[in-house]
Amino acid sequence: MTTPRLLSGGNPQIAKGYGDAPVRAYIAAIPGWKRDAAARVDALVGRLVPGVQRAIKWNSPFYGLEKISGSSASTVSTAT
């Protein structure tokens, strides 16, 4: 496996993707103390938001829910 390139802010460059695997890869590639913080946020969201869907967009993890009966889905980024 190739180590992801770090961007100017120190965050890893991970290809856009949907599901748990890309988010886990992103978190694993984060350097230093930010990795632990991101892993804690990911675990909290996974535990507290039933049916959460994970994705990597714009080199950041996103968490959201499917559109529910006419309302738009909410998405939250853990910008690190």
Protein backbone atom coordinates (compact mmCIF):
# COMPACT_ATOMS: atom_id res chain seq x y z
CA MET A 1 0.00 0.00 0.00
CA THR A 2 1.29 3.45 -0.93
CA THR A 3 1.42 6.11 1.77
CA PRO A 4 -0.93 8.98 0.86
CA ARG A 5 0.62 12.34 0.07
CA LEU A 6 0.10 14.95 2.78
CA LEU A 7 -1.44 18.24 1.67
CA SER A 8 -0.16 21.65 2.80
CA GLY A 9 -2.30 21.54 5.97
CA GLY A 10 -0.88 18.14 6.88
CA ASN A 11 -4.01 16.20 5.96
CA PRO A 12 -3.75 13.11 3.73
CA GLN A 13 -4.84 13.21 0.11
CA ILE A 14 -7.32 10.34 -0.23
CA ALA A 15 -9.39 9.72 -3.36
CA LYS A 16 -13.11 10.46 -3.19
CA GLY A 17 -14.97 7.39 -2.00
CA TYR A 18 -18.06 6.18 -0.22
CA GLY A 19 -18.33 3.78 2.70
CA ASP A 20 -16.32 2.89 5.77
CA ALA A 21 -13.10 1.81 3.98
CA PRO A 22 -12.10 5.20 2.52
CA VAL A 23 -12.80 6.94 5.84
CA ARG A 24 -10.74 4.34 7.73
CA ALA A 25 -7.90 4.81 5.23
CA TYR A 26 -8.07 8.59 5.68
CA ILE A 27 -8.00 8.33 9.48
CA ALA A 28 -5.10 5.84 9.37
CA ALA A 29 -3.09 8.27 7.21
CA ILE A 30 -3.61 11.34 9.42
CA PRO A 31 -0.34 12.25 11.16
CA GLY A 32 0.13 12.87 14.87
CA TRP A 33 -2.50 13.76 17.43
CA LYS A 34 -5.14 14.50 14.77
CA ARG A 35 -5.44 10.76 14.06
CA ASP A 36 -6.67 10.02 17.58
CA ALA A 37 -9.10 12.96 17.48
CA ALA A 38 -10.51 11.89 14.09
CA ALA A 39 -10.83 8.27 15.25
CA ARG A 40 -12.77 9.39 18.33
CA VAL A 41 -15.13 11.56 16.26
CA ASP A 42 -15.65 8.69 13.80
CA ALA A 43 -16.43 6.26 16.64
CA LEU A 44 -18.85 8.71 18.28
CA VAL A 45 -20.72 9.38 15.05
CA GLY A 46 -20.89 5.65 14.30
CA ARG A 47 -22.27 4.92 17.76
CA LEU A 48 -24.70 7.83 18.07
CA VAL A 49 -26.12 8.18 14.54
CA PRO A 50 -27.97 5.06 13.40
CA GLY A 51 -27.60 4.43 9.68
CA VAL A 52 -24.81 6.97 9.22
CA GLN A 53 -23.11 6.87 5.82
CA ARG A 54 -19.44 7.75 5.54
CA ALA A 55 -17.60 9.25 2.60
CA ILE A 56 -14.43 11.07 1.62
CA LYS A 57 -15.05 14.22 -0.39
CA TRP A 58 -12.66 17.10 -0.98
CA ASN A 59 -10.00 15.27 1.07
CA SER A 60 -12.17 15.28 4.20
CA PRO A 61 -14.39 12.70 5.87
CA PHE A 62 -18.12 13.38 5.64
CA TYR A 63 -20.95 11.78 7.59
CA GLY A 64 -24.57 11.91 6.51
CA LEU A 65 -27.97 10.30 6.30
CA GLU A 66 -30.10 9.41 3.30
CA LYS A 67 -32.83 11.83 2.28
CA ILE A 68 -35.83 11.29 4.53
CA SER A 69 -39.37 11.91 3.16
CA GLY A 70 -38.81 15.19 1.38
CA SER A 71 -36.22 16.70 3.68
CA SER A 72 -32.63 17.05 2.60
CA ALA A 73 -29.91 14.90 4.10
CA SER A 74 -27.60 16.50 6.60
CA THR A 75 -23.88 16.12 6.16
CA VAL A 76 -21.21 17.01 8.68
CA SER A 77 -17.49 17.19 7.97
CA THR A 78 -14.82 16.53 10.55
CA ALA A 79 -12.48 19.01 8.91
CA THR A 80 -9.14 18.26 10.48
